[in-house]
Amino acid sequence: MKPADISTKIFLDSGDPKETEVVKSVLGWLDGQTTNPTLLARNPAVKQMAENQALSEAELEDAYRQIIERINKLIPGGDISIEVYADAFTPAEQMVDQSRRFAKWADNPYIKLPITSAGIEAAQQLLQDGIKVNMTLCFSQEQAAAVYTATAGLSGGNIFISPFVGRLDDRGVDGLSLVFNIQKMLKDTDGHLQVLAASIRSVEHLSILLETQVDAVTVPAKVLLEWDKAGRPIGTTRRKANLTPLPYQEFDLRSEWKSFNINHSLTDIGLEKFAADWQSLIVAKN
């Protein structure tokens, strides 16, 4: 059972239901799970299938569906994030078509969409249809501002935005500061956009985020198991001093979303990585 002193939702970041079983057994609960094309490519069963014979797009999608359905049974009622296949050129209509199929795979699905113009347009369509979304690959407060304004009035709390902590840390930038800045920006808003901290690399990251009561975190199995072994600390560690924090910015959240600059090099890199991992499993079949 989840401890009463943890208000943050804790998700497993994994494409492997076997990890779901292990982590849930150790912790005693999970609030949900996030997946993406890279995690799917790392799934041992999918890797074995692709090594034996490269998959068609239909076969890969079917494998993805079976994985999500297994996760859904292990975390009944949990928030399950399912990511569309998208690169920098994927139009909104293609993302929407995928999303409508993927949303049937779980009881409480969140469709992961990239923070691109097409991704935001797809999110608007899906939210109007009652399909929940998780806007991923967030690396700037301005991207979060754009998502907030684009989705205002379309949802009653059915939207996550996923700032990536570790990938900013890799660049010498304090990724946690991005999470804190987005939390501050959204503090006195209508609450329709919730912060899901992603790219968690350490017990330190997790401990601090739990202390700040971020809405949700998604964490690899290795880090969750290390956190449990360490006694499940909350706020007992400190950030590294050699990381440069991002300054807080003031944005008018009544502005049109297209007035914000949503471009970020790390979003582009992330899209390329996800697309390459997905394509690495596929061969065209007639």
C-alpha atoms as a PDB file:
ATOM      1  CA  MET A   1       0.000   0.000   0.000  1.00  0.00           C
ATOM      2  CA  LYS A   2       1.212   3.492  -0.829  1.00  0.00           C
ATOM      3  CA  PRO A   3       2.448   5.463   2.212  1.00  0.00           C
ATOM      4  CA  ALA A   4       0.200   8.341   3.251  1.00  0.00           C
ATOM      5  CA  ASP A   5       3.128  10.784   3.337  1.00  0.00           C
ATOM      6  CA  ILE A   6       3.776  10.446  -0.415  1.00  0.00           C
ATOM      7  CA  SER A   7       1.364  12.611  -2.403  1.00  0.00           C
ATOM      8  CA  THR A   8       3.362  12.357  -5.636  1.00  0.00           C
ATOM      9  CA  LYS A   9       2.295   9.682  -8.100  1.00  0.00           C
ATOM     10  CA  ILE A  10       5.151   7.254  -8.720  1.00  0.00           C
ATOM     11  CA  PHE A  11       5.325   5.654 -12.155  1.00  0.00           C
ATOM     12  CA  LEU A  12       7.748   3.053 -13.448  1.00  0.00           C
ATOM     13  CA  ASP A  13       9.578   4.135 -16.595  1.00  0.00           C
ATOM     14  CA  SER A  14       9.871   0.859 -18.479  1.00  0.00           C
ATOM     15  CA  GLY A  15       8.679  -1.101 -21.481  1.00  0.00           C
ATOM     16  CA  ASP A  16       9.076  -4.459 -19.739  1.00  0.00           C
ATOM     17  CA  PRO A  17       6.165  -5.947 -17.736  1.00  0.00           C
ATOM     18  CA  LYS A  18       8.622  -8.169 -15.882  1.00  0.00           C
ATOM     19  CA  GLU A  19      10.129  -5.029 -14.337  1.00  0.00           C
ATOM     20  CA  THR A  20       6.608  -3.943 -13.439  1.00  0.00           C
ATOM     21  CA  GLU A  21       6.100  -7.151 -11.484  1.00  0.00           C
ATOM     22  CA  VAL A  22       9.407  -6.828  -9.629  1.00  0.00           C
ATOM     23  CA  VAL A  23       9.074  -3.175  -8.685  1.00  0.00           C
ATOM     24  CA  LYS A  24       5.449  -3.456  -7.634  1.00  0.00           C
ATOM     25  CA  SER A  25       6.313  -6.467  -5.496  1.00  0.00           C
ATOM     26  CA  VAL A  26       9.145  -4.589  -3.753  1.00  0.00           C
ATOM     27  CA  LEU A  27       7.381  -1.239  -3.273  1.00  0.00           C
ATOM     28  CA  GLY A  28       3.935  -2.660  -2.689  1.00  0.00           C
ATOM     29  CA  TRP A  29       2.316  -0.343  -5.239  1.00  0.00           C
ATOM     30  CA  LEU A  30       2.754   1.635  -8.447  1.00  0.00           C
ATOM     31  CA  ASP A  31       0.548   4.495  -9.580  1.00  0.00           C
ATOM     32  CA  GLY A  32       1.242   3.854 -13.241  1.00  0.00           C
ATOM     33  CA  GLN A  33       3.886   3.333 -15.908  1.00  0.00           C
ATOM     34  CA  THR A  34       5.371   5.275 -18.808  1.00  0.00           C
ATOM     35  CA  THR A  35       6.641   3.745 -22.029  1.00  0.00           C
ATOM     36  CA  ASN A  36       8.313   5.038 -25.182  1.00  0.00           C
ATOM     37  CA  PRO A  37       9.868   3.626 -28.378  1.00  0.00           C
ATOM     38  CA  THR A  38      13.343   3.371 -26.813  1.00  0.00           C
ATOM     39  CA  LEU A  39      12.016   1.397 -23.835  1.00  0.00           C
ATOM     40  CA  LEU A  40      10.053  -0.809 -26.220  1.00  0.00           C
ATOM     41  CA  ALA A  41      13.229  -1.501 -28.208  1.00  0.00           C
ATOM     42  CA  ARG A  42      14.957  -2.561 -24.970  1.00  0.00           C
ATOM     43  CA  ASN A  43      12.244  -5.070 -24.048  1.00  0.00           C
ATOM     44  CA  PRO A  44      13.992  -8.474 -24.159  1.00  0.00           C
ATOM     45  CA  ALA A  45      11.090 -10.199 -25.912  1.00  0.00           C
ATOM     46  CA  VAL A  46      10.803  -7.508 -28.582  1.00  0.00           C
ATOM     47  CA  LYS A  47      14.576  -7.496 -29.108  1.00  0.00           C
ATOM     48  CA  GLN A  48      14.516 -11.271 -29.568  1.00  0.00           C
ATOM     49  CA  MET A  49      11.660 -11.059 -32.052  1.00  0.00           C
ATOM     50  CA  ALA A  50      13.478  -8.388 -34.075  1.00  0.00           C
ATOM     51  CA  GLU A  51      16.753 -10.347 -34.025  1.00  0.00           C
ATOM     52  CA  ASN A  52      15.030 -13.432 -35.390  1.00  0.00           C
ATOM     53  CA  GLN A  53      13.212 -11.502 -38.092  1.00  0.00           C
ATOM     54  CA  ALA A  54      12.738  -7.749 -38.382  1.00  0.00           C
ATOM     55  CA  LEU A  55       9.153  -6.764 -37.706  1.00  0.00           C
ATOM     56  CA  SER A  56       6.621  -5.058 -39.902  1.00  0.00           C
ATOM     57  CA  GLU A  57       5.006  -1.909 -38.541  1.00  0.00           C
ATOM     58  CA  ALA A  58       1.819  -3.872 -37.858  1.00  0.00           C
ATOM     59  CA  GLU A  59       3.738  -6.598 -35.991  1.00  0.00           C
ATOM     60  CA  LEU A  60       5.619  -4.047 -33.892  1.00  0.00           C
ATOM     61  CA  GLU A  61       2.411  -2.229 -33.008  1.00  0.00           C
ATOM     62  CA  ASP A  62       0.829  -5.535 -32.017  1.00  0.00           C
ATOM     63  CA  ALA A  63       3.809  -6.325 -29.780  1.00  0.00           C
ATOM     64  CA  TYR A  64       3.478  -2.876 -28.202  1.00  0.00           C
ATOM     65  CA  ARG A  65      -0.241  -3.496 -27.609  1.00  0.00           C
ATOM     66  CA  GLN A  66       0.416  -6.815 -25.879  1.00  0.00           C
ATOM     67  CA  ILE A  67       3.007  -5.184 -23.597  1.00  0.00           C
ATOM     68  CA  ILE A  68       0.621  -2.371 -22.632  1.00  0.00           C
ATOM     69  CA  GLU A  69      -2.183  -4.838 -21.968  1.00  0.00           C
ATOM     70  CA  ARG A  70       0.071  -6.850 -19.640  1.00  0.00           C
ATOM     71  CA  ILE A  71       1.136  -3.700 -17.791  1.00  0.00           C
ATOM     72  CA  ASN A  72      -2.502  -2.657 -17.495  1.00  0.00           C
ATOM     73  CA  LYS A  73      -3.357  -5.955 -15.785  1.00  0.00           C
ATOM     74  CA  LEU A  74      -0.458  -5.529 -13.357  1.00  0.00           C
ATOM     75  CA  ILE A  75      -1.439  -1.951 -12.457  1.00  0.00           C
ATOM     76  CA  PRO A  76      -5.242  -1.969 -12.758  1.00  0.00           C
ATOM     77  CA  GLY A  77      -6.563   1.569 -12.932  1.00  0.00           C
ATOM     78  CA  GLY A  78      -3.041   2.979 -13.145  1.00  0.00           C
ATOM     79  CA  ASP A  79      -2.013   5.853 -15.403  1.00  0.00           C
ATOM     80  CA  ILE A  80      -0.398   4.150 -18.411  1.00  0.00           C
ATOM     81  CA  SER A  81       1.472   6.390 -20.872  1.00  0.00           C
ATOM     82  CA  ILE A  82       1.710   5.089 -24.440  1.00  0.00           C
ATOM     83  CA  GLU A  83       3.880   7.020 -26.873  1.00  0.00           C
ATOM     84  CA  VAL A  84       3.074   7.520 -30.532  1.00  0.00           C
ATOM     85  CA  TYR A  85       5.680   7.013 -33.216  1.00  0.00           C
ATOM     86  CA  ALA A  86       6.708  10.481 -34.379  1.00  0.00           C
ATOM     87  CA  ASP A  87       9.658  12.285 -35.862  1.00  0.00           C
ATOM     88  CA  ALA A  88      10.120  15.953 -36.684  1.00  0.00           C
ATOM     89  CA  PHE A  89       7.980  15.595 -39.825  1.00  0.00           C
ATOM     90  CA  THR A  90       5.061  13.535 -38.485  1.00  0.00           C
ATOM     91  CA  PRO A  91       1.798  15.446 -39.032  1.00  0.00           C
ATOM     92  CA  ALA A  92      -0.847  15.882 -36.349  1.00  0.00           C
ATOM     93  CA  GLU A  93      -3.336  13.707 -38.252  1.00  0.00           C
ATOM     94  CA  GLN A  94      -0.977  10.724 -38.185  1.00  0.00           C
ATOM     95  CA  MET A  95      -0.401  11.126 -34.441  1.00  0.00           C
ATOM     96  CA  VAL A  96      -4.153  11.345 -33.850  1.00  0.00           C
ATOM     97  CA  ASP A  97      -4.807   8.162 -35.846  1.00  0.00           C
ATOM     98  CA  GLN A  98      -2.207   6.255 -33.804  1.00  0.00           C
ATOM     99  CA  SER A  99      -3.495   7.712 -30.557  1.00  0.00           C
ATOM    100  CA  ARG A 100      -7.059   6.599 -31.135  1.00  0.00           C
ATOM    101  CA  ARG A 101      -5.840   3.007 -31.597  1.00  0.00           C
ATOM    102  CA  PHE A 102      -3.426   3.134 -28.667  1.00  0.00           C
ATOM    103  CA  ALA A 103      -6.021   4.597 -26.286  1.00  0.00           C
ATOM    104  CA  LYS A 104      -7.978   1.320 -26.470  1.00  0.00           C
ATOM    105  CA  TRP A 105      -5.123  -0.677 -24.956  1.00  0.00           C
ATOM    106  CA  ALA A 106      -5.447   0.352 -21.298  1.00  0.00           C
ATOM    107  CA  ASP A 107      -8.122   1.327 -18.802  1.00  0.00           C
ATOM    108  CA  ASN A 108      -6.568   4.707 -18.015  1.00  0.00           C
ATOM    109  CA  PRO A 109      -4.306   5.595 -20.950  1.00  0.00           C
ATOM    110  CA  TYR A 110      -2.297   8.767 -21.446  1.00  0.00           C
ATOM    111  CA  ILE A 111      -1.071   9.243 -25.001  1.00  0.00           C
ATOM    112  CA  LYS A 112       2.471  10.625 -25.138  1.00  0.00           C
ATOM    113  CA  LEU A 113       2.981  13.316 -27.741  1.00  0.00           C
ATOM    114  CA  PRO A 114       6.089  15.393 -28.487  1.00  0.00           C
ATOM    115  CA  ILE A 115       6.152  19.126 -27.851  1.00  0.00           C
ATOM    116  CA  THR A 116       6.154  20.121 -31.498  1.00  0.00           C
ATOM    117  CA  SER A 117       3.556  22.191 -33.327  1.00  0.00           C
ATOM    118  CA  ALA A 118       2.035  19.003 -34.735  1.00  0.00           C
ATOM    119  CA  GLY A 119       2.155  17.327 -31.331  1.00  0.00           C
ATOM    120  CA  ILE A 120       0.287  20.193 -29.685  1.00  0.00           C
ATOM    121  CA  GLU A 121      -2.301  20.275 -32.467  1.00  0.00           C
ATOM    122  CA  ALA A 122      -2.797  16.517 -32.037  1.00  0.00           C
ATOM    123  CA  ALA A 123      -3.226  16.998 -28.282  1.00  0.00           C
ATOM    124  CA  GLN A 124      -5.957  19.573 -28.843  1.00  0.00           C
ATOM    125  CA  GLN A 125      -7.880  17.159 -31.071  1.00  0.00           C
ATOM    126  CA  LEU A 126      -7.492  14.254 -28.670  1.00  0.00           C
ATOM    127  CA  LEU A 127      -8.537  16.242 -25.620  1.00  0.00           C
ATOM    128  CA  GLN A 128     -11.686  17.334 -27.431  1.00  0.00           C
ATOM    129  CA  ASP A 129     -12.394  13.611 -27.934  1.00  0.00           C
ATOM    130  CA  GLY A 130     -11.832  12.894 -24.234  1.00  0.00           C
ATOM    131  CA  ILE A 131      -8.442  11.187 -24.703  1.00  0.00           C
ATOM    132  CA  LYS A 132      -5.834  12.120 -22.087  1.00  0.00           C
ATOM    133  CA  VAL A 133      -2.334  13.180 -23.102  1.00  0.00           C
ATOM    134  CA  ASN A 134       1.205  13.367 -21.764  1.00  0.00           C
ATOM    135  CA  MET A 135       3.285  16.024 -23.520  1.00  0.00           C
ATOM    136  CA  THR A 136       6.831  14.716 -23.502  1.00  0.00           C
ATOM    137  CA  LEU A 137      10.386  15.857 -24.244  1.00  0.00           C
ATOM    138  CA  CYS A 138       9.972  19.139 -22.363  1.00  0.00           C
ATOM    139  CA  PHE A 139      13.213  21.051 -21.850  1.00  0.00           C
ATOM    140  CA  SER A 140      12.095  24.636 -21.286  1.00  0.00           C
ATOM    141  CA  GLN A 141       9.631  26.582 -19.199  1.00  0.00           C
ATOM    142  CA  GLU A 142       8.426  28.281 -22.394  1.00  0.00           C
ATOM    143  CA  GLN A 143       7.459  24.912 -23.866  1.00  0.00           C
ATOM    144  CA  ALA A 144       5.389  24.277 -20.741  1.00  0.00           C
ATOM    145  CA  ALA A 145       3.738  27.688 -21.076  1.00  0.00           C
ATOM    146  CA  ALA A 146       2.763  26.880 -24.659  1.00  0.00           C
ATOM    147  CA  VAL A 147       1.258  23.537 -23.649  1.00  0.00           C
ATOM    148  CA  TYR A 148      -0.697  25.212 -20.843  1.00  0.00           C
ATOM    149  CA  THR A 149      -2.228  27.866 -23.090  1.00  0.00           C
ATOM    150  CA  ALA A 150      -2.903  25.435 -25.957  1.00  0.00           C
ATOM    151  CA  THR A 151      -4.854  23.066 -23.714  1.00  0.00           C
ATOM    152  CA  ALA A 152      -6.661  25.537 -21.452  1.00  0.00           C
ATOM    153  CA  GLY A 153     -10.369  24.825 -21.426  1.00  0.00           C
ATOM    154  CA  LEU A 154      -9.975  21.439 -23.107  1.00  0.00           C
ATOM    155  CA  SER A 155      -9.392  19.261 -20.059  1.00  0.00           C
ATOM    156  CA  GLY A 156     -10.159  18.942 -16.380  1.00  0.00           C
ATOM    157  CA  GLY A 157      -6.771  17.732 -15.228  1.00  0.00           C
ATOM    158  CA  ASN A 158      -6.134  15.112 -17.871  1.00  0.00           C
ATOM    159  CA  ILE A 159      -2.804  16.453 -19.095  1.00  0.00           C
ATOM    160  CA  PHE A 160       0.738  15.711 -17.993  1.00  0.00           C
ATOM    161  CA  ILE A 161       3.805  17.601 -19.106  1.00  0.00           C
ATOM    162  CA  SER A 162       7.097  15.745 -18.783  1.00  0.00           C
ATOM    163  CA  PRO A 163      10.223  17.861 -18.156  1.00  0.00           C
ATOM    164  CA  PHE A 164      13.375  15.760 -18.579  1.00  0.00           C
ATOM    165  CA  VAL A 165      15.726  16.192 -15.619  1.00  0.00           C
ATOM    166  CA  GLY A 166      18.678  13.942 -16.392  1.00  0.00           C
ATOM    167  CA  ARG A 167      19.185  15.017 -19.979  1.00  0.00           C
ATOM    168  CA  LEU A 168      19.603  18.620 -18.836  1.00  0.00           C
ATOM    169  CA  ASP A 169      21.995  17.505 -16.091  1.00  0.00           C
ATOM    170  CA  ASP A 170      24.075  15.864 -18.815  1.00  0.00           C
ATOM    171  CA  ARG A 171      24.565  19.337 -20.315  1.00  0.00           C
ATOM    172  CA  GLY A 172      25.642  20.872 -16.985  1.00  0.00           C
ATOM    173  CA  VAL A 173      22.201  22.431 -16.473  1.00  0.00           C
ATOM    174  CA  ASP A 174      20.236  21.734 -13.292  1.00  0.00           C
ATOM    175  CA  GLY A 175      17.302  19.738 -14.631  1.00  0.00           C
ATOM    176  CA  LEU A 176      15.478  19.924 -11.321  1.00  0.00           C
ATOM    177  CA  SER A 177      15.348  23.707 -11.658  1.00  0.00           C
ATOM    178  CA  LEU A 178      13.208  23.282 -14.780  1.00  0.00           C
ATOM    179  CA  VAL A 179      10.709  21.217 -12.791  1.00  0.00           C
ATOM    180  CA  PHE A 180      10.654  23.807  -9.993  1.00  0.00           C
ATOM    181  CA  ASN A 181      10.164  26.661 -12.458  1.00  0.00           C
ATOM    182  CA  ILE A 182       7.229  24.923 -14.129  1.00  0.00           C
ATOM    183  CA  GLN A 183       5.696  24.146 -10.732  1.00  0.00           C
ATOM    184  CA  LYS A 184       6.008  27.811  -9.761  1.00  0.00           C
ATOM    185  CA  MET A 185       4.495  28.983 -13.044  1.00  0.00           C
ATOM    186  CA  LEU A 186       1.505  26.662 -12.659  1.00  0.00           C
ATOM    187  CA  LYS A 187       0.971  27.197  -8.926  1.00  0.00           C
ATOM    188  CA  ASP A 188      -1.969  29.592  -9.135  1.00  0.00           C
ATOM    189  CA  THR A 189      -3.477  28.304 -12.386  1.00  0.00           C
ATOM    190  CA  ASP A 190      -6.567  26.150 -12.935  1.00  0.00           C
ATOM    191  CA  GLY A 191      -4.682  22.878 -12.365  1.00  0.00           C
ATOM    192  CA  HIS A 192      -5.497  21.300 -15.717  1.00  0.00           C
ATOM    193  CA  LEU A 193      -1.782  20.766 -16.478  1.00  0.00           C
ATOM    194  CA  GLN A 194       0.161  18.513 -14.115  1.00  0.00           C
ATOM    195  CA  VAL A 195       3.930  18.086 -13.898  1.00  0.00           C
ATOM    196  CA  LEU A 196       5.364  14.606 -14.457  1.00  0.00           C
ATOM    197  CA  ALA A 197       9.123  14.733 -13.836  1.00  0.00           C
ATOM    198  CA  ALA A 198      10.972  12.385 -16.198  1.00  0.00           C
ATOM    199  CA  SER A 199      14.534  11.308 -16.981  1.00  0.00           C
ATOM    200  CA  ILE A 200      15.157  10.558 -13.301  1.00  0.00           C
ATOM    201  CA  ARG A 201      18.697   9.260 -12.910  1.00  0.00           C
ATOM    202  CA  SER A 202      19.258   8.902  -9.165  1.00  0.00           C
ATOM    203  CA  VAL A 203      17.816   8.465  -5.694  1.00  0.00           C
ATOM    204  CA  GLU A 204      18.854  12.091  -5.178  1.00  0.00           C
ATOM    205  CA  HIS A 205      16.563  13.248  -7.988  1.00  0.00           C
ATOM    206  CA  LEU A 206      13.670  11.163  -6.690  1.00  0.00           C
ATOM    207  CA  SER A 207      14.085  12.170  -3.057  1.00  0.00           C
ATOM    208  CA  ILE A 208      14.096  15.891  -3.827  1.00  0.00           C
ATOM    209  CA  LEU A 209      11.108  15.659  -6.169  1.00  0.00           C
ATOM    210  CA  LEU A 210       9.080  13.791  -3.557  1.00  0.00           C
ATOM    211  CA  GLU A 211       9.896  16.512  -1.038  1.00  0.00           C
ATOM    212  CA  THR A 212       8.666  19.208  -3.423  1.00  0.00           C
ATOM    213  CA  GLN A 213       5.461  17.208  -4.000  1.00  0.00           C
ATOM    214  CA  VAL A 214       5.615  17.320  -7.779  1.00  0.00           C
ATOM    215  CA  ASP A 215       2.442  15.828  -9.246  1.00  0.00           C
ATOM    216  CA  ALA A 216       4.157  12.715 -10.590  1.00  0.00           C
ATOM    217  CA  VAL A 217       7.555  11.175 -11.291  1.00  0.00           C
ATOM    218  CA  THR A 218       8.487   8.407 -13.686  1.00  0.00           C
ATOM    219  CA  VAL A 219      11.510   6.418 -12.598  1.00  0.00           C
ATOM    220  CA  PRO A 220      13.569   3.492 -13.980  1.00  0.00           C
ATOM    221  CA  ALA A 221      13.349   0.220 -12.083  1.00  0.00           C
ATOM    222  CA  LYS A 222      16.997   0.435 -11.001  1.00  0.00           C
ATOM    223  CA  VAL A 223      16.482   3.789  -9.259  1.00  0.00           C
ATOM    224  CA  LEU A 224      13.233   2.740  -7.583  1.00  0.00           C
ATOM    225  CA  LEU A 225      14.893  -0.377  -6.190  1.00  0.00           C
ATOM    226  CA  GLU A 226      17.888   1.668  -4.976  1.00  0.00           C
ATOM    227  CA  TRP A 227      15.477   4.139  -3.338  1.00  0.00           C
ATOM    228  CA  ASP A 228      13.761   1.284  -1.526  1.00  0.00           C
ATOM    229  CA  LYS A 229      17.093  -0.181  -0.398  1.00  0.00           C
ATOM    230  CA  ALA A 230      18.146   3.254   0.928  1.00  0.00           C
ATOM    231  CA  GLY A 231      15.085   3.379   3.157  1.00  0.00           C
ATOM    232  CA  ARG A 232      12.864   5.376   0.768  1.00  0.00           C
ATOM    233  CA  PRO A 233      14.315   8.803   1.625  1.00  0.00           C
ATOM    234  CA  ILE A 234      12.318  11.979   1.032  1.00  0.00           C
ATOM    235  CA  GLY A 235      14.229  15.244   0.878  1.00  0.00           C
ATOM    236  CA  THR A 236      17.305  13.931   2.643  1.00  0.00           C
ATOM    237  CA  THR A 237      19.771  14.652  -0.167  1.00  0.00           C
ATOM    238  CA  ARG A 238      21.034  17.807  -1.835  1.00  0.00           C
ATOM    239  CA  ARG A 239      21.600  18.793  -5.442  1.00  0.00           C
ATOM    240  CA  LYS A 240      25.050  18.898  -6.962  1.00  0.00           C
ATOM    241  CA  ALA A 241      26.604  22.358  -6.763  1.00  0.00           C
ATOM    242  CA  ASN A 242      28.249  22.163 -10.196  1.00  0.00           C
ATOM    243  CA  LEU A 243      24.989  22.389 -12.154  1.00  0.00           C
ATOM    244  CA  THR A 244      23.745  25.731 -13.471  1.00  0.00           C
ATOM    245  CA  PRO A 245      20.108  26.431 -12.532  1.00  0.00           C
ATOM    246  CA  LEU A 246      17.702  27.733 -15.143  1.00  0.00           C
ATOM    247  CA  PRO A 247      16.327  31.196 -14.298  1.00  0.00           C
ATOM    248  CA  TYR A 248      12.610  31.568 -13.711  1.00  0.00           C
ATOM    249  CA  GLN A 249      10.781  33.377 -16.525  1.00  0.00           C
ATOM    250  CA  GLU A 250       7.527  35.338 -16.487  1.00  0.00           C
ATOM    251  CA  PHE A 251       5.045  34.360 -19.195  1.00  0.00           C
ATOM    252  CA  ASP A 252       1.525  35.563 -19.937  1.00  0.00           C
ATOM    253  CA  LEU A 253      -0.478  32.349 -19.841  1.00  0.00           C
ATOM    254  CA  ARG A 254      -3.373  34.077 -21.590  1.00  0.00           C
ATOM    255  CA  SER A 255      -1.334  34.344 -24.790  1.00  0.00           C
ATOM    256  CA  GLU A 256      -1.885  32.328 -27.937  1.00  0.00           C
ATOM    257  CA  TRP A 257       0.248  29.187 -27.742  1.00  0.00           C
ATOM    258  CA  LYS A 258       1.836  29.827 -31.128  1.00  0.00           C
ATOM    259  CA  SER A 259       3.378  33.020 -29.753  1.00  0.00           C
ATOM    260  CA  PHE A 260       5.742  30.943 -27.598  1.00  0.00           C
ATOM    261  CA  ASN A 261       9.033  29.494 -28.814  1.00  0.00           C
ATOM    262  CA  ILE A 262       8.681  25.738 -28.408  1.00  0.00           C
ATOM    263  CA  ASN A 263      11.879  24.835 -30.251  1.00  0.00           C
ATOM    264  CA  HIS A 264      14.636  23.136 -28.274  1.00  0.00           C
ATOM    265  CA  SER A 265      17.642  21.181 -29.521  1.00  0.00           C
ATOM    266  CA  LEU A 266      17.160  18.456 -26.908  1.00  0.00           C
ATOM    267  CA  THR A 267      13.568  17.924 -28.018  1.00  0.00           C
ATOM    268  CA  ASP A 268      14.863  17.447 -31.563  1.00  0.00           C
ATOM    269  CA  ILE A 269      17.528  15.006 -30.370  1.00  0.00           C
ATOM    270  CA  GLY A 270      14.979  13.060 -28.338  1.00  0.00           C
ATOM    271  CA  LEU A 271      12.638  12.748 -31.303  1.00  0.00           C
ATOM    272  CA  GLU A 272      15.469  11.490 -33.481  1.00  0.00           C
ATOM    273  CA  LYS A 273      16.431   8.914 -30.861  1.00  0.00           C
ATOM    274  CA  PHE A 274      12.887   7.598 -30.406  1.00  0.00           C
ATOM    275  CA  ALA A 275      12.307   7.420 -34.168  1.00  0.00           C
ATOM    276  CA  ALA A 276      15.606   5.608 -34.764  1.00  0.00           C
ATOM    277  CA  ASP A 277      14.908   3.041 -32.041  1.00  0.00           C
ATOM    278  CA  TRP A 278      11.448   2.370 -33.451  1.00  0.00           C
ATOM    279  CA  GLN A 279      12.730   2.051 -37.007  1.00  0.00           C
ATOM    280  CA  SER A 280      15.565  -0.244 -35.926  1.00  0.00           C
ATOM    281  CA  LEU A 281      12.951  -2.934 -35.251  1.00  0.00           C
ATOM    282  CA  ILE A 282      11.097  -2.605 -38.548  1.00  0.00           C
ATOM    283  CA  VAL A 283      11.541  -3.877 -42.072  1.00  0.00           C
ATOM    284  CA  ALA A 284       9.081  -3.031 -44.804  1.00  0.00           C
ATOM    285  CA  LYS A 285       7.015  -6.021 -45.840  1.00  0.00           C
ATOM    286  CA  ASN A 286       4.762  -6.309 -48.878  1.00  0.00           C
END
